[in-house]
PDB file of all heavy atoms in Angstrom:
ATOM      1  N   LEU A   1      77.487  37.617  89.761  1.00  0.00           N
ATOM      2  CA  LEU A   1      77.312  36.588  90.758  1.00  0.00           C
ATOM      3  C   LEU A   1      75.794  36.497  91.146  1.00  0.00           C
ATOM      4  O   LEU A   1      75.109  37.454  91.213  1.00  0.00           O
ATOM      5  CB  LEU A   1      78.100  36.907  92.072  1.00  0.00           C
ATOM      6  CG  LEU A   1      79.554  36.617  92.019  1.00  0.00           C
ATOM      7  CD1 LEU A   1      80.277  37.147  93.270  1.00  0.00           C
ATOM      8  CD2 LEU A   1      79.840  35.135  91.919  1.00  0.00           C
ATOM      9  N   SER A   2      75.358  35.236  91.412  1.00  0.00           N
ATOM     10  CA  SER A   2      73.982  35.030  91.836  1.00  0.00           C
ATOM     11  C   SER A   2      73.800  35.423  93.366  1.00  0.00           C
ATOM     12  O   SER A   2      72.655  35.681  93.714  1.00  0.00           O
ATOM     13  CB  SER A   2      73.572  33.605  91.592  1.00  0.00           C
ATOM     14  OG  SER A   2      74.400  32.792  92.367  1.00  0.00           O
ATOM     15  N   HIS A   3      74.845  35.567  94.065  1.00  0.00           N
ATOM     16  CA  HIS A   3      74.749  35.926  95.492  1.00  0.00           C
ATOM     17  C   HIS A   3      76.182  36.419  95.871  1.00  0.00           C
ATOM     18  O   HIS A   3      77.129  35.821  95.536  1.00  0.00           O
ATOM     19  CB  HIS A   3      74.217  34.713  96.365  1.00  0.00           C
ATOM     20  CG  HIS A   3      73.854  35.136  97.728  1.00  0.00           C
ATOM     21  ND1 HIS A   3      74.636  35.033  98.857  1.00  0.00           N
ATOM     22  CD2 HIS A   3      72.649  35.678  98.130  1.00  0.00           C
ATOM     23  CE1 HIS A   3      73.973  35.473  99.871  1.00  0.00           C
ATOM     24  NE2 HIS A   3      72.779  35.819  99.542  1.00  0.00           N
ATOM     25  N   SER A   4      76.202  37.455  96.768  1.00  0.00           N
ATOM     26  CA  SER A   4      77.467  38.042  97.062  1.00  0.00           C
ATOM     27  C   SER A   4      78.249  37.334  98.174  1.00  0.00           C
ATOM     28  O   SER A   4      79.449  37.487  98.315  1.00  0.00           O
ATOM     29  CB  SER A   4      77.257  39.517  97.498  1.00  0.00           C
ATOM     30  OG  SER A   4      76.896  40.280  96.339  1.00  0.00           O
ATOM     31  N   SER A   5      77.526  36.548  98.938  1.00  0.00           N
ATOM     32  CA  SER A   5      78.224  35.816 100.073  1.00  0.00           C
ATOM     33  C   SER A   5      78.839  34.560  99.479  1.00  0.00           C
ATOM     34  O   SER A   5      78.177  33.577  99.136  1.00  0.00           O
ATOM     35  CB  SER A   5      77.278  35.410 101.143  1.00  0.00           C
ATOM     36  OG  SER A   5      77.902  34.713 102.219  1.00  0.00           O
ATOM     37  N   VAL A   6      80.259  34.541  99.352  1.00  0.00           N
ATOM     38  CA  VAL A   6      80.971  33.469  98.701  1.00  0.00           C
ATOM     39  C   VAL A   6      81.615  32.590  99.674  1.00  0.00           C
ATOM     40  O   VAL A   6      82.464  33.139 100.477  1.00  0.00           O
ATOM     41  CB  VAL A   6      81.988  34.044  97.670  1.00  0.00           C
ATOM     42  CG1 VAL A   6      82.818  32.953  97.034  1.00  0.00           C
ATOM     43  CG2 VAL A   6      81.231  34.875  96.634  1.00  0.00           C
ATOM     44  N   PHE A   7      81.312  31.325  99.739  1.00  0.00           N
ATOM     45  CA  PHE A   7      81.921  30.413 100.679  1.00  0.00           C
ATOM     46  C   PHE A   7      83.068  29.503 100.033  1.00  0.00           C
ATOM     47  O   PHE A   7      84.019  29.197 100.665  1.00  0.00           O
ATOM     48  CB  PHE A   7      80.910  29.485 101.262  1.00  0.00           C
ATOM     49  CG  PHE A   7      80.395  29.854 102.594  1.00  0.00           C
ATOM     50  CD1 PHE A   7      79.178  30.566 102.770  1.00  0.00           C
ATOM     51  CD2 PHE A   7      81.156  29.572 103.665  1.00  0.00           C
ATOM     52  CE1 PHE A   7      78.796  30.924 104.016  1.00  0.00           C
ATOM     53  CE2 PHE A   7      80.745  29.957 104.983  1.00  0.00           C
ATOM     54  CZ  PHE A   7      79.558  30.674 105.147  1.00  0.00           C
ATOM     55  N   SER A   8      82.877  29.199  98.811  1.00  0.00           N
ATOM     56  CA  SER A   8      83.966  28.264  98.202  1.00  0.00           C
ATOM     57  C   SER A   8      84.363  28.808  96.829  1.00  0.00           C
ATOM     58  O   SER A   8      83.588  29.332  96.080  1.00  0.00           O
ATOM     59  CB  SER A   8      83.377  26.883  98.143  1.00  0.00           C
ATOM     60  OG  SER A   8      82.177  26.906  97.521  1.00  0.00           O
ATOM     61  N   VAL A   9      85.644  28.659  96.548  1.00  0.00           N
ATOM     62  CA  VAL A   9      86.237  28.989  95.229  1.00  0.00           C
ATOM     63  C   VAL A   9      87.163  27.924  94.831  1.00  0.00           C
ATOM     64  O   VAL A   9      88.007  27.370  95.562  1.00  0.00           O
ATOM     65  CB  VAL A   9      87.108  30.290  95.370  1.00  0.00           C
ATOM     66  CG1 VAL A   9      87.585  30.753  93.940  1.00  0.00           C
ATOM     67  CG2 VAL A   9      86.263  31.511  95.998  1.00  0.00           C
ATOM     68  N   TYR A  10      87.021  27.517  93.536  1.00  0.00           N
ATOM     69  CA  TYR A  10      87.871  26.384  93.040  1.00  0.00           C
ATOM     70  C   TYR A  10      88.097  26.618  91.579  1.00  0.00           C
ATOM     71  O   TYR A  10      87.328  27.078  90.792  1.00  0.00           O
ATOM     72  CB  TYR A  10      87.156  25.054  93.181  1.00  0.00           C
ATOM     73  CG  TYR A  10      87.941  23.806  92.841  1.00  0.00           C
ATOM     74  CD1 TYR A  10      88.768  23.250  93.859  1.00  0.00           C
ATOM     75  CD2 TYR A  10      87.987  23.371  91.598  1.00  0.00           C
ATOM     76  CE1 TYR A  10      89.562  22.097  93.529  1.00  0.00           C
ATOM     77  CE2 TYR A  10      88.755  22.171  91.305  1.00  0.00           C
ATOM     78  CZ  TYR A  10      89.472  21.628  92.263  1.00  0.00           C
ATOM     79  OH  TYR A  10      90.280  20.534  91.962  1.00  0.00           O
ATOM     80  N   ILE A  11      89.446  26.343  91.111  1.00  0.00           N
ATOM     81  CA  ILE A  11      89.765  26.521  89.798  1.00  0.00           C
ATOM     82  C   ILE A  11      90.069  25.087  89.162  1.00  0.00           C
ATOM     83  O   ILE A  11      90.915  24.419  89.737  1.00  0.00           O
ATOM     84  CB  ILE A  11      91.029  27.393  89.601  1.00  0.00           C
ATOM     85  CG1 ILE A  11      90.696  28.785  90.108  1.00  0.00           C
ATOM     86  CG2 ILE A  11      91.501  27.498  88.143  1.00  0.00           C
ATOM     87  CD1 ILE A  11      91.812  29.747  90.052  1.00  0.00           C
ATOM     88  N   ASP A  12      89.340  24.699  88.157  1.00  0.00           N
ATOM     89  CA  ASP A  12      89.491  23.347  87.613  1.00  0.00           C
ATOM     90  C   ASP A  12      90.605  23.205  86.603  1.00  0.00           C
ATOM     91  O   ASP A  12      91.281  24.182  86.349  1.00  0.00           O
ATOM     92  CB  ASP A  12      88.142  22.828  87.123  1.00  0.00           C
ATOM     93  CG  ASP A  12      87.692  23.605  85.819  1.00  0.00           C
ATOM     94  OD1 ASP A  12      88.608  24.242  85.116  1.00  0.00           O
ATOM     95  OD2 ASP A  12      86.516  23.445  85.413  1.00  0.00           O
ATOM     96  N   ALA A  13      90.708  22.020  85.964  1.00  0.00           N
ATOM     97  CA  ALA A  13      91.757  21.740  85.027  1.00  0.00           C
ATOM     98  C   ALA A  13      91.683  22.580  83.783  1.00  0.00           C
ATOM     99  O   ALA A  13      92.733  22.754  83.068  1.00  0.00           O
ATOM    100  CB  ALA A  13      91.820  20.281  84.749  1.00  0.00           C
ATOM    101  N   GLN A  14      90.568  23.161  83.453  1.00  0.00           N
ATOM    102  CA  GLN A  14      90.459  24.000  82.265  1.00  0.00           C
ATOM    103  C   GLN A  14      90.510  25.500  82.638  1.00  0.00           C
ATOM    104  O   GLN A  14      90.087  26.312  81.782  1.00  0.00           O
ATOM    105  CB  GLN A  14      89.137  23.632  81.539  1.00  0.00           C
ATOM    106  CG  GLN A  14      89.186  22.235  80.954  1.00  0.00           C
ATOM    107  CD  GLN A  14      87.882  21.945  80.186  1.00  0.00           C
ATOM    108  OE1 GLN A  14      86.832  22.401  80.645  1.00  0.00           O
ATOM    109  NE2 GLN A  14      87.942  21.287  79.119  1.00  0.00           N
ATOM    110  N   GLU A  15      90.953  25.846  83.855  1.00  0.00           N
ATOM    111  CA  GLU A  15      91.058  27.205  84.309  1.00  0.00           C
ATOM    112  C   GLU A  15      89.706  27.909  84.522  1.00  0.00           C
ATOM    113  O   GLU A  15      89.638  29.094  84.567  1.00  0.00           O
ATOM    114  CB  GLU A  15      91.969  28.052  83.323  1.00  0.00           C
ATOM    115  CG  GLU A  15      93.336  27.595  83.203  1.00  0.00           C
ATOM    116  CD  GLU A  15      94.129  27.819  84.522  1.00  0.00           C
ATOM    117  OE1 GLU A  15      93.930  28.805  85.287  1.00  0.00           O
ATOM    118  OE2 GLU A  15      95.015  26.951  84.862  1.00  0.00           O
ATOM    119  N   THR A  16      88.633  27.113  84.574  1.00  0.00           N
ATOM    120  CA  THR A  16      87.320  27.684  84.894  1.00  0.00           C
ATOM    121  C   THR A  16      87.316  27.910  86.382  1.00  0.00           C
ATOM    122  O   THR A  16      87.669  27.009  87.217  1.00  0.00           O
ATOM    123  CB  THR A  16      86.228  26.733  84.477  1.00  0.00           C
ATOM    124  OG1 THR A  16      86.294  26.525  83.092  1.00  0.00           O
ATOM    125  CG2 THR A  16      84.841  27.291  84.898  1.00  0.00           C
ATOM    126  N   ILE A  17      86.815  29.027  86.828  1.00  0.00           N
ATOM    127  CA  ILE A  17      86.593  29.385  88.239  1.00  0.00           C
ATOM    128  C   ILE A  17      85.193  29.010  88.736  1.00  0.00           C
ATOM    129  O   ILE A  17      84.201  29.555  88.098  1.00  0.00           O
ATOM    130  CB  ILE A  17      87.033  30.808  88.492  1.00  0.00           C
ATOM    131  CG1 ILE A  17      88.452  31.090  88.185  1.00  0.00           C
ATOM    132  CG2 ILE A  17      86.729  31.160  89.996  1.00  0.00           C
ATOM    133  CD1 ILE A  17      88.856  32.553  88.348  1.00  0.00           C
ATOM    134  N   TRP A  18      85.035  28.206  89.659  1.00  0.00           N
ATOM    135  CA  TRP A  18      83.792  27.780  90.234  1.00  0.00           C
ATOM    136  C   TRP A  18      83.613  28.518  91.591  1.00  0.00           C
ATOM    137  O   TRP A  18      84.591  28.500  92.412  1.00  0.00           O
ATOM    138  CB  TRP A  18      83.689  26.344  90.421  1.00  0.00           C
ATOM    139  CG  TRP A  18      83.785  25.492  89.145  1.00  0.00           C
ATOM    140  CD1 TRP A  18      84.935  25.183  88.432  1.00  0.00           C
ATOM    141  CD2 TRP A  18      82.703  24.931  88.440  1.00  0.00           C
ATOM    142  NE1 TRP A  18      84.622  24.498  87.341  1.00  0.00           N
ATOM    143  CE2 TRP A  18      83.262  24.348  87.252  1.00  0.00           C
ATOM    144  CE3 TRP A  18      81.308  24.841  88.633  1.00  0.00           C
ATOM    145  CZ2 TRP A  18      82.472  23.595  86.360  1.00  0.00           C
ATOM    146  CZ3 TRP A  18      80.514  24.224  87.694  1.00  0.00           C
ATOM    147  CH2 TRP A  18      81.112  23.588  86.629  1.00  0.00           C
ATOM    148  N   VAL A  19      82.428  29.155  91.785  1.00  0.00           N
ATOM    149  CA  VAL A  19      82.214  29.950  92.951  1.00  0.00           C
ATOM    150  C   VAL A  19      80.966  29.394  93.610  1.00  0.00           C
ATOM    151  O   VAL A  19      79.898  29.450  93.093  1.00  0.00           O
ATOM    152  CB  VAL A  19      82.088  31.433  92.571  1.00  0.00           C
ATOM    153  CG1 VAL A  19      81.839  32.246  93.829  1.00  0.00           C
ATOM    154  CG2 VAL A  19      83.280  31.930  91.792  1.00  0.00           C
ATOM    155  N   GLY A  20      81.095  28.906  94.868  1.00  0.00           N
ATOM    156  CA  GLY A  20      79.976  28.451  95.615  1.00  0.00           C
ATOM    157  C   GLY A  20      79.464  29.557  96.611  1.00  0.00           C
ATOM    158  O   GLY A  20      80.278  30.194  97.312  1.00  0.00           O
ATOM    159  N   THR A  21      78.240  29.917  96.482  1.00  0.00           N
ATOM    160  CA  THR A  21      77.635  31.012  97.293  1.00  0.00           C
ATOM    161  C   THR A  21      76.765  30.460  98.473  1.00  0.00           C
ATOM    162  O   THR A  21      76.435  29.277  98.524  1.00  0.00           O
ATOM    163  CB  THR A  21      76.832  31.902  96.414  1.00  0.00           C
ATOM    164  OG1 THR A  21      75.595  31.258  95.990  1.00  0.00           O
ATOM    165  CG2 THR A  21      77.537  32.391  95.207  1.00  0.00           C
ATOM    166  N   TYR A  22      76.442  31.340  99.335  1.00  0.00           N
ATOM    167  CA  TYR A  22      75.625  30.899 100.508  1.00  0.00           C
ATOM    168  C   TYR A  22      74.118  30.682 100.147  1.00  0.00           C
ATOM    169  O   TYR A  22      73.448  29.856 100.706  1.00  0.00           O
ATOM    170  CB  TYR A  22      75.768  31.959 101.616  1.00  0.00           C
ATOM    171  CG  TYR A  22      74.998  31.513 102.843  1.00  0.00           C
ATOM    172  CD1 TYR A  22      75.520  30.508 103.700  1.00  0.00           C
ATOM    173  CD2 TYR A  22      73.854  32.146 103.235  1.00  0.00           C
ATOM    174  CE1 TYR A  22      74.800  30.078 104.785  1.00  0.00           C
ATOM    175  CE2 TYR A  22      73.100  31.783 104.358  1.00  0.00           C
ATOM    176  CZ  TYR A  22      73.624  30.701 105.138  1.00  0.00           C
ATOM    177  OH  TYR A  22      72.939  30.318 106.209  1.00  0.00           O
ATOM    178  N   TYR A  23      73.661  31.481  99.155  1.00  0.00           N
ATOM    179  CA  TYR A  23      72.249  31.355  98.913  1.00  0.00           C
ATOM    180  C   TYR A  23      71.951  31.489  97.372  1.00  0.00           C
ATOM    181  O   TYR A  23      70.886  31.859  96.963  1.00  0.00           O
ATOM    182  CB  TYR A  23      71.419  32.397  99.653  1.00  0.00           C
ATOM    183  CG  TYR A  23      69.997  32.075  99.843  1.00  0.00           C
ATOM    184  CD1 TYR A  23      69.674  31.041 100.762  1.00  0.00           C
ATOM    185  CD2 TYR A  23      68.905  32.627  99.152  1.00  0.00           C
ATOM    186  CE1 TYR A  23      68.347  30.626 100.942  1.00  0.00           C
ATOM    187  CE2 TYR A  23      67.638  32.238  99.289  1.00  0.00           C
ATOM    188  CZ  TYR A  23      67.309  31.244 100.131  1.00  0.00           C
ATOM    189  OH  TYR A  23      65.974  30.887 100.372  1.00  0.00           O
ATOM    190  N   GLY A  24      72.993  31.229  96.601  1.00  0.00           N
ATOM    191  CA  GLY A  24      72.756  31.396  95.085  1.00  0.00           C
ATOM    192  C   GLY A  24      73.360  30.224  94.318  1.00  0.00           C
ATOM    193  O   GLY A  24      73.521  30.280  93.098  1.00  0.00           O
ATOM    194  N   GLY A  25      73.542  29.080  94.961  1.00  0.00           N
ATOM    195  CA  GLY A  25      74.109  27.928  94.204  1.00  0.00           C
ATOM    196  C   GLY A  25      75.534  28.147  93.738  1.00  0.00           C
ATOM    197  O   GLY A  25      76.326  28.794  94.367  1.00  0.00           O
ATOM    198  N   VAL A  26      75.829  27.586  92.642  1.00  0.00           N
ATOM    199  CA  VAL A  26      77.175  27.569  92.115  1.00  0.00           C
ATOM    200  C   VAL A  26      77.282  28.467  90.874  1.00  0.00           C
ATOM    201  O   VAL A  26      76.328  28.366  89.984  1.00  0.00           O
ATOM    202  CB  VAL A  26      77.709  26.125  91.665  1.00  0.00           C
ATOM    203  CG1 VAL A  26      79.082  26.203  91.120  1.00  0.00           C
ATOM    204  CG2 VAL A  26      77.612  25.221  92.875  1.00  0.00           C
ATOM    205  N   ASN A  27      78.188  29.302  90.760  1.00  0.00           N
ATOM    206  CA  ASN A  27      78.532  30.147  89.554  1.00  0.00           C
ATOM    207  C   ASN A  27      79.773  29.673  88.934  1.00  0.00           C
ATOM    208  O   ASN A  27      80.707  29.223  89.752  1.00  0.00           O
ATOM    209  CB  ASN A  27      78.594  31.578  89.936  1.00  0.00           C
ATOM    210  CG  ASN A  27      77.383  32.185  90.560  1.00  0.00           C
ATOM    211  OD1 ASN A  27      76.806  33.026  89.998  1.00  0.00           O
ATOM    212  ND2 ASN A  27      76.966  31.654  91.688  1.00  0.00           N
ATOM    213  N   TYR A  28      79.966  29.765  87.705  1.00  0.00           N
ATOM    214  CA  TYR A  28      81.280  29.492  87.130  1.00  0.00           C
ATOM    215  C   TYR A  28      81.580  30.455  85.973  1.00  0.00           C
ATOM    216  O   TYR A  28      80.634  30.966  85.386  1.00  0.00           O
ATOM    217  CB  TYR A  28      81.453  28.046  86.593  1.00  0.00           C
ATOM    218  CG  TYR A  28      80.457  27.711  85.447  1.00  0.00           C
ATOM    219  CD1 TYR A  28      80.953  27.758  84.081  1.00  0.00           C
ATOM    220  CD2 TYR A  28      79.224  27.208  85.603  1.00  0.00           C
ATOM    221  CE1 TYR A  28      80.199  27.500  83.080  1.00  0.00           C
ATOM    222  CE2 TYR A  28      78.422  26.783  84.613  1.00  0.00           C
ATOM    223  CZ  TYR A  28      78.860  26.941  83.298  1.00  0.00           C
ATOM    224  OH  TYR A  28      78.113  26.566  82.245  1.00  0.00           O
ATOM    225  N   PHE A  29      82.845  30.789  85.744  1.00  0.00           N
ATOM    226  CA  PHE A  29      83.311  31.691  84.711  1.00  0.00           C
ATOM    227  C   PHE A  29      84.699  31.488  84.404  1.00  0.00           C
ATOM    228  O   PHE A  29      85.398  30.719  85.140  1.00  0.00           O
ATOM    229  CB  PHE A  29      82.998  33.130  85.094  1.00  0.00           C
ATOM    230  CG  PHE A  29      83.956  33.699  86.171  1.00  0.00           C
ATOM    231  CD1 PHE A  29      85.038  34.499  85.839  1.00  0.00           C
ATOM    232  CD2 PHE A  29      83.739  33.361  87.486  1.00  0.00           C
ATOM    233  CE1 PHE A  29      85.848  35.001  86.806  1.00  0.00           C
ATOM    234  CE2 PHE A  29      84.509  33.825  88.502  1.00  0.00           C
ATOM    235  CZ  PHE A  29      85.623  34.599  88.118  1.00  0.00           C
ATOM    236  N   ASN A  30      85.167  32.020  83.318  1.00  0.00           N
ATOM    237  CA  ASN A  30      86.532  31.948  82.887  1.00  0.00           C
ATOM    238  C   ASN A  30      87.243  33.196  83.009  1.00  0.00           C
ATOM    239  O   ASN A  30      86.822  34.234  82.474  1.00  0.00           O
ATOM    240  CB  ASN A  30      86.711  31.431  81.433  1.00  0.00           C
ATOM    241  CG  ASN A  30      88.052  30.834  81.123  1.00  0.00           C
ATOM    242  OD1 ASN A  30      89.108  31.559  81.290  1.00  0.00           O
ATOM    243  ND2 ASN A  30      88.117  29.605  80.770  1.00  0.00           N
ATOM    244  N   ALA A  31      88.335  33.244  83.849  1.00  0.00           N
ATOM    245  CA  ALA A  31      89.032  34.493  84.229  1.00  0.00           C
ATOM    246  C   ALA A  31      89.712  35.113  82.899  1.00  0.00           C
ATOM    247  O   ALA A  31      90.058  36.285  82.996  1.00  0.00           O
ATOM    248  CB  ALA A  31      90.098  34.207  85.264  1.00  0.00           C
ATOM    249  N   GLU A  32      89.846  34.306  81.883  1.00  0.00           N
ATOM    250  CA  GLU A  32      90.508  34.864  80.675  1.00  0.00           C
ATOM    251  C   GLU A  32      89.710  36.139  80.171  1.00  0.00           C
ATOM    252  O   GLU A  32      90.304  36.997  79.601  1.00  0.00           O
ATOM    253  CB  GLU A  32      90.582  33.866  79.551  1.00  0.00           C
ATOM    254  CG  GLU A  32      91.475  32.661  79.835  1.00  0.00           C
ATOM    255  CD  GLU A  32      92.942  32.915  79.546  1.00  0.00           C
ATOM    256  OE1 GLU A  32      93.212  34.058  79.037  1.00  0.00           O
ATOM    257  OE2 GLU A  32      93.776  32.129  79.855  1.00  0.00           O
ATOM    258  N   ARG A  33      88.399  36.114  80.374  1.00  0.00           N
ATOM    259  CA  ARG A  33      87.588  37.239  79.845  1.00  0.00           C
ATOM    260  C   ARG A  33      87.874  38.526  80.613  1.00  0.00           C
ATOM    261  O   ARG A  33      87.714  39.553  80.019  1.00  0.00           O
ATOM    262  CB  ARG A  33      86.116  36.872  80.061  1.00  0.00           C
ATOM    263  CG  ARG A  33      85.693  35.641  79.219  1.00  0.00           C
ATOM    264  CD  ARG A  33      84.214  35.337  79.467  1.00  0.00           C
ATOM    265  NE  ARG A  33      83.749  34.250  78.711  1.00  0.00           N
ATOM    266  CZ  ARG A  33      82.539  33.708  78.699  1.00  0.00           C
ATOM    267  NH1 ARG A  33      81.659  34.285  79.518  1.00  0.00           N
ATOM    268  NH2 ARG A  33      82.218  32.618  78.029  1.00  0.00           N
ATOM    269  N   GLU A  34      88.512  38.406  81.770  1.00  0.00           N
ATOM    270  CA  GLU A  34      88.796  39.547  82.505  1.00  0.00           C
ATOM    271  C   GLU A  34      90.007  40.282  81.940  1.00  0.00           C
ATOM    272  O   GLU A  34      90.260  41.481  82.195  1.00  0.00           O
ATOM    273  CB  GLU A  34      89.131  39.243  84.010  1.00  0.00           C
ATOM    274  CG  GLU A  34      87.969  38.718  84.759  1.00  0.00           C
ATOM    275  CD  GLU A  34      86.822  39.720  84.863  1.00  0.00           C
ATOM    276  OE1 GLU A  34      87.083  40.946  85.106  1.00  0.00           O
ATOM    277  OE2 GLU A  34      85.656  39.337  84.553  1.00  0.00           O
ATOM    278  N   ILE A  35      90.817  39.640  81.129  1.00  0.00           N
ATOM    279  CA  ILE A  35      92.010  40.276  80.532  1.00  0.00           C
ATOM    280  C   ILE A  35      91.930  40.204  78.989  1.00  0.00           C
ATOM    281  O   ILE A  35      92.893  40.306  78.311  1.00  0.00           O
ATOM    282  CB  ILE A  35      93.303  39.544  81.003  1.00  0.00           C
ATOM    283  CG1 ILE A  35      93.275  38.099  80.573  1.00  0.00           C
ATOM    284  CG2 ILE A  35      93.547  39.758  82.506  1.00  0.00           C
ATOM    285  CD1 ILE A  35      94.666  37.422  80.702  1.00  0.00           C
ATOM    286  N   PHE A  36      90.722  40.001  78.499  1.00  0.00           N
ATOM    287  CA  PHE A  36      90.594  39.869  77.024  1.00  0.00           C
ATOM    288  C   PHE A  36      90.727  41.215  76.365  1.00  0.00           C
ATOM    289  O   PHE A  36      90.192  42.207  76.753  1.00  0.00           O
ATOM    290  CB  PHE A  36      89.203  39.307  76.716  1.00  0.00           C
ATOM    291  CG  PHE A  36      89.156  38.363  75.539  1.00  0.00           C
ATOM    292  CD1 PHE A  36      89.310  37.034  75.743  1.00  0.00           C
ATOM    293  CD2 PHE A  36      89.016  38.846  74.275  1.00  0.00           C
ATOM    294  CE1 PHE A  36      89.258  36.174  74.634  1.00  0.00           C
ATOM    295  CE2 PHE A  36      88.994  38.032  73.232  1.00  0.00           C
ATOM    296  CZ  PHE A  36      89.152  36.655  73.369  1.00  0.00           C
ATOM    297  N   ALA A  37      91.494  41.199  75.325  1.00  0.00           N
ATOM    298  CA  ALA A  37      91.704  42.414  74.571  1.00  0.00           C
ATOM    299  C   ALA A  37      91.206  42.227  73.113  1.00  0.00           C
ATOM    300  O   ALA A  37      91.420  41.128  72.523  1.00  0.00           O
ATOM    301  CB  ALA A  37      93.093  42.867  74.523  1.00  0.00           C
ATOM    302  N   HIS A  38      90.488  43.119  72.511  1.00  0.00           N
ATOM    303  CA  HIS A  38      90.010  43.053  71.118  1.00  0.00           C
ATOM    304  C   HIS A  38      90.886  43.779  70.232  1.00  0.00           C
ATOM    305  O   HIS A  38      91.120  44.964  70.372  1.00  0.00           O
ATOM    306  CB  HIS A  38      88.638  43.580  71.019  1.00  0.00           C
ATOM    307  CG  HIS A  38      88.059  43.578  69.632  1.00  0.00           C
ATOM    308  ND1 HIS A  38      87.487  44.668  69.040  1.00  0.00           N
ATOM    309  CD2 HIS A  38      88.027  42.618  68.722  1.00  0.00           C
ATOM    310  CE1 HIS A  38      87.142  44.387  67.798  1.00  0.00           C
ATOM    311  NE2 HIS A  38      87.496  43.127  67.628  1.00  0.00           N
ATOM    312  N   TYR A  39      91.466  43.145  69.235  1.00  0.00           N
ATOM    313  CA  TYR A  39      92.403  43.770  68.309  1.00  0.00           C
ATOM    314  C   TYR A  39      91.577  43.904  66.933  1.00  0.00           C
ATOM    315  O   TYR A  39      91.330  42.970  66.251  1.00  0.00           O
ATOM    316  CB  TYR A  39      93.664  42.917  68.070  1.00  0.00           C
ATOM    317  CG  TYR A  39      94.499  42.787  69.302  1.00  0.00           C
ATOM    318  CD1 TYR A  39      94.318  41.687  70.140  1.00  0.00           C
ATOM    319  CD2 TYR A  39      95.372  43.749  69.632  1.00  0.00           C
ATOM    320  CE1 TYR A  39      95.067  41.577  71.303  1.00  0.00           C
ATOM    321  CE2 TYR A  39      96.174  43.631  70.806  1.00  0.00           C
ATOM    322  CZ  TYR A  39      96.014  42.574  71.614  1.00  0.00           C
ATOM    323  OH  TYR A  39      96.781  42.463  72.745  1.00  0.00           O
ATOM    324  N   THR A  40      91.255  45.110  66.701  1.00  0.00           N
ATOM    325  CA  THR A  40      90.493  45.382  65.473  1.00  0.00           C
ATOM    326  C   THR A  40      91.495  45.525  64.268  1.00  0.00           C
ATOM    327  O   THR A  40      92.722  45.417  64.456  1.00  0.00           O
ATOM    328  CB  THR A  40      89.778  46.757  65.571  1.00  0.00           C
ATOM    329  OG1 THR A  40      88.873  46.924  64.489  1.00  0.00           O
ATOM    330  CG2 THR A  40      90.604  47.980  65.776  1.00  0.00           C
ATOM    331  N   ASP A  41      90.987  45.791  63.100  1.00  0.00           N
ATOM    332  CA  ASP A  41      91.854  45.946  61.867  1.00  0.00           C
ATOM    333  C   ASP A  41      91.991  47.390  61.466  1.00  0.00           C
ATOM    334  O   ASP A  41      90.965  48.020  61.320  1.00  0.00           O
ATOM    335  CB  ASP A  41      91.321  45.069  60.757  1.00  0.00           C
ATOM    336  CG  ASP A  41      89.938  45.469  60.340  1.00  0.00           C
ATOM    337  OD1 ASP A  41      89.006  45.471  61.106  1.00  0.00           O
ATOM    338  OD2 ASP A  41      89.771  45.874  59.124  1.00  0.00           O
TER     339      ASP A  41
END
């Protein structure tokens, strides 16, 4: 996160999470990465 003070949270149609901060502008990320598993061979 660009700033820890978070004022707004929104999830768009593509499941991207947008995070509005008090002094760091807007951050966005995809929550799928939080549960991503790598399957090796």
